[in-house]
N, C-alpha and C. Protein backbone atom coordinates (compact mmCIF):
# COMPACT_ATOMS: atom_id res chain seq x y z
N MET A 1 -36.82 148.21 60.91
CA MET A 1 -36.02 148.70 62.02
C MET A 1 -35.44 150.00 62.26
N SER A 2 -35.28 151.20 63.19
CA SER A 2 -34.87 151.98 63.47
C SER A 2 -33.25 151.93 64.55
N SER A 3 -33.19 152.09 64.37
CA SER A 3 -31.42 152.31 65.47
C SER A 3 -31.17 152.94 66.64
N VAL A 4 -31.10 153.00 67.28
CA VAL A 4 -31.27 153.78 69.09
C VAL A 4 -29.93 154.86 68.57
N ARG A 5 -30.33 156.21 69.03
CA ARG A 5 -29.37 157.09 68.90
C ARG A 5 -28.26 156.67 69.68
N THR A 6 -27.10 157.22 69.14
CA THR A 6 -25.75 157.59 70.19
C THR A 6 -25.34 158.18 70.31
N LYS A 7 -25.92 159.34 69.61
CA LYS A 7 -25.38 160.74 69.72
C LYS A 7 -26.30 161.88 69.87
N LEU A 8 -26.07 162.55 71.37
CA LEU A 8 -26.94 163.55 71.84
C LEU A 8 -27.42 164.75 70.93
N PRO A 9 -28.64 165.40 70.33
CA PRO A 9 -28.54 166.02 70.26
C PRO A 9 -28.05 167.39 70.93
N HIS A 10 -27.97 168.08 69.96
CA HIS A 10 -26.45 169.15 70.63
C HIS A 10 -27.21 170.09 71.49
N GLY A 11 -28.53 170.15 71.18
CA GLY A 11 -29.09 171.40 72.99
C GLY A 11 -29.39 170.79 74.08
N VAL A 12 -28.98 169.39 73.72
CA VAL A 12 -29.20 168.23 74.87
C VAL A 12 -27.55 168.75 75.73
N SER A 13 -26.95 168.21 74.88
CA SER A 13 -25.61 168.27 75.38
C SER A 13 -25.31 169.65 75.85
N LYS A 14 -25.35 170.66 74.64
CA LYS A 14 -24.86 171.87 75.70
C LYS A 14 -25.87 171.96 76.99
N ALA A 15 -27.03 171.87 77.07
CA ALA A 15 -27.72 171.75 78.62
C ALA A 15 -26.77 171.11 79.95
N LEU A 16 -26.21 170.10 79.33
CA LEU A 16 -25.32 169.40 80.16
C LEU A 16 -24.53 170.32 80.64
N ASP A 17 -23.39 170.59 79.72
CA ASP A 17 -22.30 170.87 80.22
C ASP A 17 -22.21 171.92 80.76
N ASP A 18 -23.76 172.46 80.69
CA ASP A 18 -24.03 174.01 81.80
C ASP A 18 -24.28 173.27 83.00
N ALA A 19 -25.48 172.98 82.53
CA ALA A 19 -25.91 172.30 83.99
C ALA A 19 -24.61 171.57 84.75
N ALA A 20 -23.71 171.25 84.30
CA ALA A 20 -22.45 170.49 84.92
C ALA A 20 -21.72 171.84 85.42
N GLY A 21 -21.47 172.50 84.61
CA GLY A 21 -19.80 174.11 84.41
C GLY A 21 -20.50 174.99 85.61
N GLY A 22 -22.44 175.08 85.59
CA GLY A 22 -22.69 175.83 87.03
C GLY A 22 -22.82 174.90 88.38
N LEU A 23 -22.36 173.80 87.91
CA LEU A 23 -22.81 173.14 89.66
C LEU A 23 -21.53 173.01 90.14
N ARG A 24 -20.55 172.65 89.05
CA ARG A 24 -18.82 173.27 89.21
C ARG A 24 -18.45 174.45 89.82
N THR A 25 -18.88 175.07 89.36
CA THR A 25 -18.72 176.82 89.82
C THR A 25 -19.08 177.01 91.29
N PHE A 26 -20.46 176.57 91.29
CA PHE A 26 -21.40 176.84 92.64
C PHE A 26 -20.36 175.91 94.08
N THR A 27 -20.23 174.90 93.67
CA THR A 27 -19.24 173.81 94.87
C THR A 27 -18.37 174.46 94.80
N GLU A 28 -17.23 175.07 93.92
CA GLU A 28 -16.02 175.66 94.19
C GLU A 28 -16.07 176.73 95.58
N GLY A 29 -17.18 177.79 94.58
CA GLY A 29 -16.91 178.64 95.28
C GLY A 29 -17.70 178.37 97.16
N GLU A 30 -18.46 177.32 97.26
CA GLU A 30 -19.05 176.63 98.68
C GLU A 30 -17.60 176.46 99.00
N TRP A 31 -16.94 175.34 98.53
CA TRP A 31 -16.09 174.71 99.30
C TRP A 31 -15.04 176.03 99.71
N ALA A 32 -14.50 176.54 99.04
CA ALA A 32 -14.15 177.83 99.50
C ALA A 32 -14.62 178.54 100.47
N THR A 33 -15.62 179.28 100.91
CA THR A 33 -16.27 179.23 102.13
C THR A 33 -16.33 178.28 103.56
N PHE A 34 -16.75 177.07 102.83
CA PHE A 34 -16.35 175.67 103.73
C PHE A 34 -15.11 175.69 104.28
N ASN A 35 -14.17 176.25 103.64
CA ASN A 35 -12.34 175.95 103.59
C ASN A 35 -12.24 177.34 104.69
N GLY A 36 -12.88 178.49 104.96
CA GLY A 36 -12.62 179.11 105.43
C GLY A 36 -13.26 179.52 106.99
N MET A 37 -13.93 178.11 107.43
CA MET A 37 -14.61 178.66 108.23
C MET A 37 -14.25 177.85 109.05
N SER A 38 -14.33 177.96 110.86
CA SER A 38 -13.43 177.51 112.34
C SER A 38 -13.22 175.70 111.47
N GLU A 39 -12.17 175.11 111.90
CA GLU A 39 -12.18 173.88 111.85
C GLU A 39 -13.42 173.37 112.97
N ASN A 40 -13.36 173.73 113.60
CA ASN A 40 -14.39 173.27 115.24
C ASN A 40 -15.94 173.21 114.10
N TRP A 41 -16.23 174.69 113.59
CA TRP A 41 -17.45 174.14 112.84
C TRP A 41 -17.45 173.46 111.92
N ARG A 42 -16.22 173.32 111.10
CA ARG A 42 -16.17 172.43 110.00
C ARG A 42 -16.19 170.74 110.42
N ALA A 43 -16.24 170.87 111.72
CA ALA A 43 -15.56 169.27 112.80
C ALA A 43 -17.25 169.20 113.35
N SER A 44 -18.34 169.74 113.24
CA SER A 44 -19.77 170.06 113.57
C SER A 44 -20.82 169.29 113.13
N ASP A 45 -21.34 169.18 113.60
CA ASP A 45 -22.76 167.91 112.88
C ASP A 45 -23.45 168.92 111.41
N ARG A 46 -23.28 170.33 111.67
CA ARG A 46 -23.89 171.22 110.21
C ARG A 46 -22.57 171.03 109.46
N GLY A 47 -21.99 171.91 110.08
CA GLY A 47 -20.01 170.98 108.93
C GLY A 47 -20.20 169.96 108.30
N ARG A 48 -19.92 168.53 108.89
CA ARG A 48 -19.97 167.57 108.01
C ARG A 48 -21.39 167.25 107.11
N PHE A 49 -22.20 167.62 107.64
CA PHE A 49 -23.05 168.25 107.01
C PHE A 49 -23.50 168.37 105.85
N ILE A 50 -22.60 170.01 105.25
CA ILE A 50 -22.46 170.75 104.61
C ILE A 50 -21.60 170.16 103.69
N ALA A 51 -20.98 169.10 103.99
CA ALA A 51 -19.33 168.85 103.38
C ALA A 51 -19.80 167.39 102.96
N ASP A 52 -20.80 166.94 102.98
CA ASP A 52 -21.84 165.68 102.74
C ASP A 52 -22.23 166.05 101.20
N TRP A 53 -23.12 167.01 101.75
CA TRP A 53 -23.85 167.64 100.56
C TRP A 53 -22.88 168.24 99.28
N LEU A 54 -22.06 168.95 99.60
CA LEU A 54 -21.35 169.74 98.54
C LEU A 54 -20.82 168.36 97.65
N ASP A 55 -19.97 166.91 98.63
CA ASP A 55 -19.70 165.96 98.30
C ASP A 55 -20.91 165.62 96.80
N SER A 56 -22.19 165.33 97.34
CA SER A 56 -23.02 165.07 96.61
C SER A 56 -23.04 165.40 95.55
N LEU A 57 -23.06 166.84 95.36
CA LEU A 57 -23.61 168.14 93.98
C LEU A 57 -21.93 167.68 93.11
N GLU A 58 -20.59 167.39 93.80
CA GLU A 58 -19.47 167.39 93.23
C GLU A 58 -19.78 166.32 92.12
N GLU A 59 -20.44 164.69 92.77
CA GLU A 59 -20.57 164.07 92.08
C GLU A 59 -21.70 163.77 91.16
N VAL A 60 -22.74 165.10 91.42
CA VAL A 60 -23.60 165.31 90.02
C VAL A 60 -23.13 165.69 89.12
N SER A 61 -22.27 166.71 89.27
CA SER A 61 -21.66 167.51 88.52
C SER A 61 -20.73 165.87 87.49
N GLU A 62 -20.30 165.53 88.09
CA GLU A 62 -19.30 164.56 87.32
C GLU A 62 -20.53 163.46 86.38
N ALA A 63 -21.18 162.96 87.11
CA ALA A 63 -22.67 162.36 86.56
C ALA A 63 -22.45 162.72 85.43
N LEU A 64 -23.34 164.00 85.07
CA LEU A 64 -23.94 165.00 84.14
C LEU A 64 -22.49 164.80 83.40
N ASP A 65 -21.49 164.98 83.58
CA ASP A 65 -20.09 165.16 82.40
C ASP A 65 -20.16 163.94 81.82
N GLU A 66 -19.88 162.39 82.19
CA GLU A 66 -20.43 161.01 82.31
C GLU A 66 -21.42 160.84 81.59
N CYS A 67 -22.64 160.81 81.08
CA CYS A 67 -23.55 161.12 80.65
C CYS A 67 -23.28 161.49 79.24
N ARG A 68 -23.03 162.89 78.90
CA ARG A 68 -22.31 163.45 77.86
C ARG A 68 -22.00 162.64 77.00
N ASP A 69 -20.58 162.58 77.81
CA ASP A 69 -19.34 162.03 76.68
C ASP A 69 -19.89 160.42 76.51
N SER A 70 -20.27 159.37 77.07
CA SER A 70 -20.82 158.37 76.78
C SER A 70 -21.64 157.92 75.62
N ALA A 71 -22.91 159.34 75.83
CA ALA A 71 -23.51 159.18 74.20
C ALA A 71 -22.62 159.35 73.58
N ASP A 72 -21.55 160.09 73.36
CA ASP A 72 -21.14 160.99 72.42
C ASP A 72 -20.03 160.13 71.35
N CYS A 73 -20.13 158.90 72.33
CA CYS A 73 -18.83 157.77 71.37
C CYS A 73 -19.39 157.70 70.65
């Protein structure tokens, strides 16, 4: 019987790094744009929708990092 691998292949680990990093860069730029909008716009339905979406993207980026890190123990 073979054992389950607990280390991700280098290519998969790199892909997770690239995806998480790209997503982080994107969301940082979008947060900067968001924060430059008027307070009224940010409080609008559209503004709250965008803020929730950006929060979700940050969670995905963090989950990608956790996935990579947990497998490389």
